[in-house]
């Protein structure tokens, strides 16, 4: 299970890493539309979408440890 790693990668300062993490989460979750993170996102959009991904994951795995 790599979701926690992908969630952490969403906080990377390199936008290329964040986009790859976003795409990985879309694939793993089968939510191909994701939560709307655009390619030219700003930090506000990033952390809003990251919060949605965390909530999604915690619904599936309530006992999961998610790094900040």
PDB file of N, CA and C in Angstrom:
ATOM      1  N   UNK A   1       0.843  -1.174   0.000  1.00  0.00           N
ATOM      2  CA  UNK A   1       0.000   0.000   0.000  1.00  0.00           C
ATOM      3  C   UNK A   1       0.890   1.241   0.000  1.00  0.00           C
ATOM      4  N   UNK A   2       0.828   1.997  -1.064  1.00  0.00           N
ATOM      5  CA  UNK A   2       1.684   3.169  -1.228  1.00  0.00           C
ATOM      6  C   UNK A   2       0.938   4.488  -1.079  1.00  0.00           C
ATOM      7  N   UNK A   3      -0.300   4.440  -0.678  1.00  0.00           N
ATOM      8  CA  UNK A   3      -1.087   5.671  -0.596  1.00  0.00           C
ATOM      9  C   UNK A   3      -0.452   6.670   0.351  1.00  0.00           C
ATOM     10  N   UNK A   4       0.019   6.222   1.504  1.00  0.00           N
ATOM     11  CA  UNK A   4       0.620   7.172   2.458  1.00  0.00           C
ATOM     12  C   UNK A   4       1.857   7.843   1.860  1.00  0.00           C
ATOM     13  N   UNK A   5       2.616   7.124   1.043  1.00  0.00           N
ATOM     14  CA  UNK A   5       3.786   7.711   0.380  1.00  0.00           C
ATOM     15  C   UNK A   5       3.350   8.743  -0.654  1.00  0.00           C
ATOM     16  N   UNK A   6       2.312   8.430  -1.402  1.00  0.00           N
ATOM     17  CA  UNK A   6       1.799   9.376  -2.393  1.00  0.00           C
ATOM     18  C   UNK A   6       1.230  10.621  -1.724  1.00  0.00           C
ATOM     19  N   UNK A   7       0.566  10.438  -0.597  1.00  0.00           N
ATOM     20  CA  UNK A   7       0.053  11.598   0.140  1.00  0.00           C
ATOM     21  C   UNK A   7       1.197  12.489   0.602  1.00  0.00           C
ATOM     22  N   UNK A   8       2.250  11.880   1.100  1.00  0.00           N
ATOM     23  CA  UNK A   8       3.408  12.658   1.535  1.00  0.00           C
ATOM     24  C   UNK A   8       4.050  13.378   0.342  1.00  0.00           C
ATOM     25  N   UNK A   9       4.116  12.707  -0.799  1.00  0.00           N
ATOM     26  CA  UNK A   9       4.704  13.314  -1.997  1.00  0.00           C
ATOM     27  C   UNK A   9       3.913  14.532  -2.461  1.00  0.00           C
ATOM     28  N   UNK A  10       2.652  14.607  -2.096  1.00  0.00           N
ATOM     29  CA  UNK A  10       1.841  15.773  -2.462  1.00  0.00           C
ATOM     30  C   UNK A  10       2.347  17.051  -1.793  1.00  0.00           C
ATOM     31  N   UNK A  11       3.190  16.926  -0.774  1.00  0.00           N
ATOM     32  CA  UNK A  11       3.721  18.101  -0.076  1.00  0.00           C
ATOM     33  C   UNK A  11       5.080  18.533  -0.619  1.00  0.00           C
ATOM     34  N   UNK A  12       5.599  17.836  -1.609  1.00  0.00           N
ATOM     35  CA  UNK A  12       6.922  18.144  -2.155  1.00  0.00           C
ATOM     36  C   UNK A  12       6.927  19.535  -2.799  1.00  0.00           C
ATOM     37  N   UNK A  13       8.024  20.278  -2.654  1.00  0.00           N
ATOM     38  CA  UNK A  13       8.080  21.607  -3.273  1.00  0.00           C
ATOM     39  C   UNK A  13       8.151  21.565  -4.806  1.00  0.00           C
ATOM     40  N   UNK A  14       8.556  20.434  -5.366  1.00  0.00           N
ATOM     41  CA  UNK A  14       8.654  20.290  -6.825  1.00  0.00           C
ATOM     42  C   UNK A  14       7.276  19.910  -7.376  1.00  0.00           C
ATOM     43  N   UNK A  15       6.712  20.786  -8.184  1.00  0.00           N
ATOM     44  CA  UNK A  15       5.365  20.547  -8.709  1.00  0.00           C
ATOM     45  C   UNK A  15       5.293  19.294  -9.571  1.00  0.00           C
ATOM     46  N   UNK A  16       6.399  18.913 -10.184  1.00  0.00           N
ATOM     47  CA  UNK A  16       6.405  17.686 -10.990  1.00  0.00           C
ATOM     48  C   UNK A  16       6.153  16.468 -10.113  1.00  0.00           C
ATOM     49  N   UNK A  17       6.742  16.469  -8.917  1.00  0.00           N
ATOM     50  CA  UNK A  17       6.535  15.366  -7.973  1.00  0.00           C
ATOM     51  C   UNK A  17       5.078  15.333  -7.530  1.00  0.00           C
ATOM     52  N   UNK A  18       4.529  16.497  -7.256  1.00  0.00           N
ATOM     53  CA  UNK A  18       3.131  16.589  -6.811  1.00  0.00           C
ATOM     54  C   UNK A  18       2.193  16.078  -7.904  1.00  0.00           C
ATOM     55  N   UNK A  19       2.447  16.458  -9.147  1.00  0.00           N
ATOM     56  CA  UNK A  19       1.587  15.989 -10.242  1.00  0.00           C
ATOM     57  C   UNK A  19       1.654  14.469 -10.393  1.00  0.00           C
ATOM     58  N   UNK A  20       2.845  13.897 -10.249  1.00  0.00           N
ATOM     59  CA  UNK A  20       2.977  12.433 -10.328  1.00  0.00           C
ATOM     60  C   UNK A  20       2.259  11.757  -9.164  1.00  0.00           C
ATOM     61  N   UNK A  21       2.369  12.336  -7.972  1.00  0.00           N
ATOM     62  CA  UNK A  21       1.664  11.783  -6.808  1.00  0.00           C
ATOM     63  C   UNK A  21       0.157  11.856  -7.024  1.00  0.00           C
ATOM     64  N   UNK A  22      -0.312  12.976  -7.539  1.00  0.00           N
ATOM     65  CA  UNK A  22      -1.741  13.142  -7.849  1.00  0.00           C
ATOM     66  C   UNK A  22      -2.209  12.057  -8.816  1.00  0.00           C
ATOM     67  N   UNK A  23      -1.426  11.842  -9.863  1.00  0.00           N
ATOM     68  CA  UNK A  23      -1.801  10.836 -10.854  1.00  0.00           C
ATOM     69  C   UNK A  23      -1.751   9.430 -10.265  1.00  0.00           C
ATOM     70  N   UNK A  24      -0.790   9.177  -9.391  1.00  0.00           N
ATOM     71  CA  UNK A  24      -0.715   7.885  -8.718  1.00  0.00           C
ATOM     72  C   UNK A  24      -1.920   7.643  -7.834  1.00  0.00           C
ATOM     73  N   UNK A  25      -2.339   8.661  -7.106  1.00  0.00           N
ATOM     74  CA  UNK A  25      -3.527   8.536  -6.261  1.00  0.00           C
ATOM     75  C   UNK A  25      -4.780   8.301  -7.102  1.00  0.00           C
ATOM     76  N   UNK A  26      -4.867   8.969  -8.222  1.00  0.00           N
ATOM     77  CA  UNK A  26      -6.011   8.760  -9.115  1.00  0.00           C
ATOM     78  C   UNK A  26      -6.069   7.312  -9.592  1.00  0.00           C
ATOM     79  N   UNK A  27      -4.911   6.776  -9.948  1.00  0.00           N
ATOM     80  CA  UNK A  27      -4.842   5.399 -10.441  1.00  0.00           C
ATOM     81  C   UNK A  27      -5.189   4.395  -9.345  1.00  0.00           C
ATOM     82  N   UNK A  28      -4.554   4.543  -8.197  1.00  0.00           N
ATOM     83  CA  UNK A  28      -4.757   3.604  -7.094  1.00  0.00           C
ATOM     84  C   UNK A  28      -6.209   3.629  -6.611  1.00  0.00           C
ATOM     85  N   UNK A  29      -6.792   4.808  -6.565  1.00  0.00           N
ATOM     86  CA  UNK A  29      -8.152   4.954  -6.038  1.00  0.00           C
ATOM     87  C   UNK A  29      -9.232   4.634  -7.066  1.00  0.00           C
ATOM     88  N   UNK A  30      -8.840   4.607  -8.327  1.00  0.00           N
ATOM     89  CA  UNK A  30      -9.786   4.468  -9.441  1.00  0.00           C
ATOM     90  C   UNK A  30     -10.730   5.664  -9.520  1.00  0.00           C
ATOM     91  N   UNK A  31     -10.294   6.760  -8.928  1.00  0.00           N
ATOM     92  CA  UNK A  31     -11.009   8.041  -9.037  1.00  0.00           C
ATOM     93  C   UNK A  31     -10.234   8.852 -10.062  1.00  0.00           C
ATOM     94  N   UNK A  32     -10.447   8.561 -11.332  1.00  0.00           N
ATOM     95  CA  UNK A  32      -9.594   9.117 -12.372  1.00  0.00           C
ATOM     96  C   UNK A  32      -9.715  10.625 -12.510  1.00  0.00           C
ATOM     97  N   UNK A  33     -10.789  11.195 -12.018  1.00  0.00           N
ATOM     98  CA  UNK A  33     -10.908  12.647 -11.992  1.00  0.00           C
ATOM     99  C   UNK A  33     -10.239  13.256 -10.776  1.00  0.00           C
ATOM    100  N   UNK A  34      -9.897  12.408  -9.824  1.00  0.00           N
ATOM    101  CA  UNK A  34      -9.263  12.892  -8.601  1.00  0.00           C
ATOM    102  C   UNK A  34     -10.156  13.865  -7.869  1.00  0.00           C
ATOM    103  N   UNK A  35      -9.519  14.853  -7.270  1.00  0.00           N
ATOM    104  CA  UNK A  35     -10.258  15.890  -6.554  1.00  0.00           C
ATOM    105  C   UNK A  35      -9.992  17.263  -7.153  1.00  0.00           C
ATOM    106  N   UNK A  36      -9.612  17.292  -8.426  1.00  0.00           N
ATOM    107  CA  UNK A  36      -9.550  18.537  -9.157  1.00  0.00           C
ATOM    108  C   UNK A  36      -8.258  19.322  -9.105  1.00  0.00           C
ATOM    109  N   UNK A  37      -7.141  18.714  -8.748  1.00  0.00           N
ATOM    110  CA  UNK A  37      -5.875  19.449  -8.723  1.00  0.00           C
ATOM    111  C   UNK A  37      -5.414  19.695 -10.154  1.00  0.00           C
ATOM    112  N   UNK A  38      -5.340  20.957 -10.540  1.00  0.00           N
ATOM    113  CA  UNK A  38      -4.914  21.308 -11.894  1.00  0.00           C
ATOM    114  C   UNK A  38      -3.400  21.209 -12.016  1.00  0.00           C
ATOM    115  N   UNK A  39      -2.902  21.218 -13.242  1.00  0.00           N
ATOM    116  CA  UNK A  39      -1.456  21.143 -13.453  1.00  0.00           C
ATOM    117  C   UNK A  39      -0.734  22.391 -12.955  1.00  0.00           C
ATOM    118  N   UNK A  40      -1.395  23.527 -12.994  1.00  0.00           N
ATOM    119  CA  UNK A  40      -0.781  24.795 -12.566  1.00  0.00           C
ATOM    120  C   UNK A  40      -1.354  25.239 -11.221  1.00  0.00           C
ATOM    121  N   UNK A  41      -1.350  24.344 -10.262  1.00  0.00           N
ATOM    122  CA  UNK A  41      -1.949  24.591  -8.954  1.00  0.00           C
ATOM    123  C   UNK A  41      -1.124  25.571  -8.124  1.00  0.00           C
ATOM    124  N   UNK A  42      -1.785  26.182  -7.144  1.00  0.00           N
ATOM    125  CA  UNK A  42      -1.075  26.965  -6.132  1.00  0.00           C
ATOM    126  C   UNK A  42      -1.142  26.178  -4.821  1.00  0.00           C
ATOM    127  N   UNK A  43      -0.447  26.665  -3.800  1.00  0.00           N
ATOM    128  CA  UNK A  43      -0.386  25.918  -2.541  1.00  0.00           C
ATOM    129  C   UNK A  43      -1.750  25.766  -1.884  1.00  0.00           C
ATOM    130  N   UNK A  44      -2.592  26.765  -2.012  1.00  0.00           N
ATOM    131  CA  UNK A  44      -3.927  26.678  -1.433  1.00  0.00           C
ATOM    132  C   UNK A  44      -4.710  25.523  -2.058  1.00  0.00           C
ATOM    133  N   UNK A  45      -4.673  25.442  -3.371  1.00  0.00           N
ATOM    134  CA  UNK A  45      -5.358  24.359  -4.079  1.00  0.00           C
ATOM    135  C   UNK A  45      -4.751  23.006  -3.713  1.00  0.00           C
ATOM    136  N   UNK A  46      -3.427  22.950  -3.655  1.00  0.00           N
ATOM    137  CA  UNK A  46      -2.744  21.702  -3.330  1.00  0.00           C
ATOM    138  C   UNK A  46      -3.195  21.159  -1.978  1.00  0.00           C
ATOM    139  N   UNK A  47      -3.172  22.013  -0.947  1.00  0.00           N
ATOM    140  CA  UNK A  47      -3.492  21.539   0.396  1.00  0.00           C
ATOM    141  C   UNK A  47      -4.983  21.271   0.580  1.00  0.00           C
ATOM    142  N   UNK A  48      -5.813  21.953  -0.175  1.00  0.00           N
ATOM    143  CA  UNK A  48      -7.242  21.653  -0.169  1.00  0.00           C
ATOM    144  C   UNK A  48      -7.488  20.251  -0.737  1.00  0.00           C
ATOM    145  N   UNK A  49      -6.857  19.953  -1.865  1.00  0.00           N
ATOM    146  CA  UNK A  49      -6.999  18.637  -2.493  1.00  0.00           C
ATOM    147  C   UNK A  49      -6.346  17.559  -1.633  1.00  0.00           C
ATOM    148  N   UNK A  50      -5.199  17.855  -1.048  1.00  0.00           N
ATOM    149  CA  UNK A  50      -4.522  16.891  -0.178  1.00  0.00           C
ATOM    150  C   UNK A  50      -5.422  16.510   0.994  1.00  0.00           C
ATOM    151  N   UNK A  51      -6.102  17.481   1.563  1.00  0.00           N
ATOM    152  CA  UNK A  51      -7.023  17.195   2.663  1.00  0.00           C
ATOM    153  C   UNK A  51      -8.142  16.254   2.209  1.00  0.00           C
ATOM    154  N   UNK A  52      -8.641  16.450   1.001  1.00  0.00           N
ATOM    155  CA  UNK A  52      -9.687  15.571   0.470  1.00  0.00           C
ATOM    156  C   UNK A  52      -9.161  14.153   0.270  1.00  0.00           C
ATOM    157  N   UNK A  53      -7.927  14.030  -0.227  1.00  0.00           N
ATOM    158  CA  UNK A  53      -7.342  12.694  -0.395  1.00  0.00           C
ATOM    159  C   UNK A  53      -7.144  12.013   0.955  1.00  0.00           C
ATOM    160  N   UNK A  54      -6.707  12.757   1.943  1.00  0.00           N
ATOM    161  CA  UNK A  54      -6.520  12.174   3.278  1.00  0.00           C
ATOM    162  C   UNK A  54      -7.848  11.677   3.840  1.00  0.00           C
ATOM    163  N   UNK A  55      -8.890  12.466   3.696  1.00  0.00           N
ATOM    164  CA  UNK A  55     -10.211  12.055   4.180  1.00  0.00           C
ATOM    165  C   UNK A  55     -10.692  10.813   3.443  1.00  0.00           C
ATOM    166  N   UNK A  56     -10.470  10.766   2.131  1.00  0.00           N
ATOM    167  CA  UNK A  56     -10.834   9.585   1.349  1.00  0.00           C
ATOM    168  C   UNK A  56     -10.117   8.352   1.894  1.00  0.00           C
ATOM    169  N   UNK A  57      -8.816   8.472   2.121  1.00  0.00           N
ATOM    170  CA  UNK A  57      -8.025   7.327   2.586  1.00  0.00           C
ATOM    171  C   UNK A  57      -8.444   6.889   3.985  1.00  0.00           C
ATOM    172  N   UNK A  58      -8.710   7.840   4.852  1.00  0.00           N
ATOM    173  CA  UNK A  58      -9.114   7.491   6.218  1.00  0.00           C
ATOM    174  C   UNK A  58     -10.496   6.835   6.267  1.00  0.00           C
ATOM    175  N   UNK A  59     -11.332   7.103   5.281  1.00  0.00           N
ATOM    176  CA  UNK A  59     -12.610   6.382   5.211  1.00  0.00           C
ATOM    177  C   UNK A  59     -12.377   4.909   4.878  1.00  0.00           C
ATOM    178  N   UNK A  60     -11.355   4.645   4.058  1.00  0.00           N
ATOM    179  CA  UNK A  60     -11.032   3.263   3.696  1.00  0.00           C
ATOM    180  C   UNK A  60     -10.226   2.558   4.776  1.00  0.00           C
ATOM    181  N   UNK A  61      -9.312   3.299   5.383  1.00  0.00           N
ATOM    182  CA  UNK A  61      -8.418   2.753   6.402  1.00  0.00           C
ATOM    183  C   UNK A  61      -8.420   3.675   7.617  1.00  0.00           C
ATOM    184  N   UNK A  62      -9.402   3.562   8.475  1.00  0.00           N
ATOM    185  CA  UNK A  62      -9.510   4.464   9.626  1.00  0.00           C
ATOM    186  C   UNK A  62      -8.313   4.421  10.565  1.00  0.00           C
ATOM    187  N   UNK A  63      -7.585   3.323  10.567  1.00  0.00           N
ATOM    188  CA  UNK A  63      -6.437   3.185  11.460  1.00  0.00           C
ATOM    189  C   UNK A  63      -5.120   3.612  10.808  1.00  0.00           C
ATOM    190  N   UNK A  64      -5.182   4.152   9.605  1.00  0.00           N
ATOM    191  CA  UNK A  64      -3.967   4.524   8.872  1.00  0.00           C
ATOM    192  C   UNK A  64      -3.233   5.673   9.558  1.00  0.00           C
ATOM    193  N   UNK A  65      -1.921   5.601   9.508  1.00  0.00           N
ATOM    194  CA  UNK A  65      -1.072   6.676  10.009  1.00  0.00           C
ATOM    195  C   UNK A  65      -0.695   7.552   8.824  1.00  0.00           C
ATOM    196  N   UNK A  66      -1.132   8.789   8.858  1.00  0.00           N
ATOM    197  CA  UNK A  66      -0.841   9.722   7.769  1.00  0.00           C
ATOM    198  C   UNK A  66       0.091  10.789   8.297  1.00  0.00           C
ATOM    199  N   UNK A  67       1.214  10.934   7.620  1.00  0.00           N
ATOM    200  CA  UNK A  67       2.181  11.954   8.020  1.00  0.00           C
ATOM    201  C   UNK A  67       1.649  13.330   7.657  1.00  0.00           C
ATOM    202  N   UNK A  68       2.021  14.350   8.430  1.00  0.00           N
ATOM    203  CA  UNK A  68       1.506  15.702   8.156  1.00  0.00           C
ATOM    204  C   UNK A  68       1.884  16.244   6.802  1.00  0.00           C
TER     205      UNK A  68
END
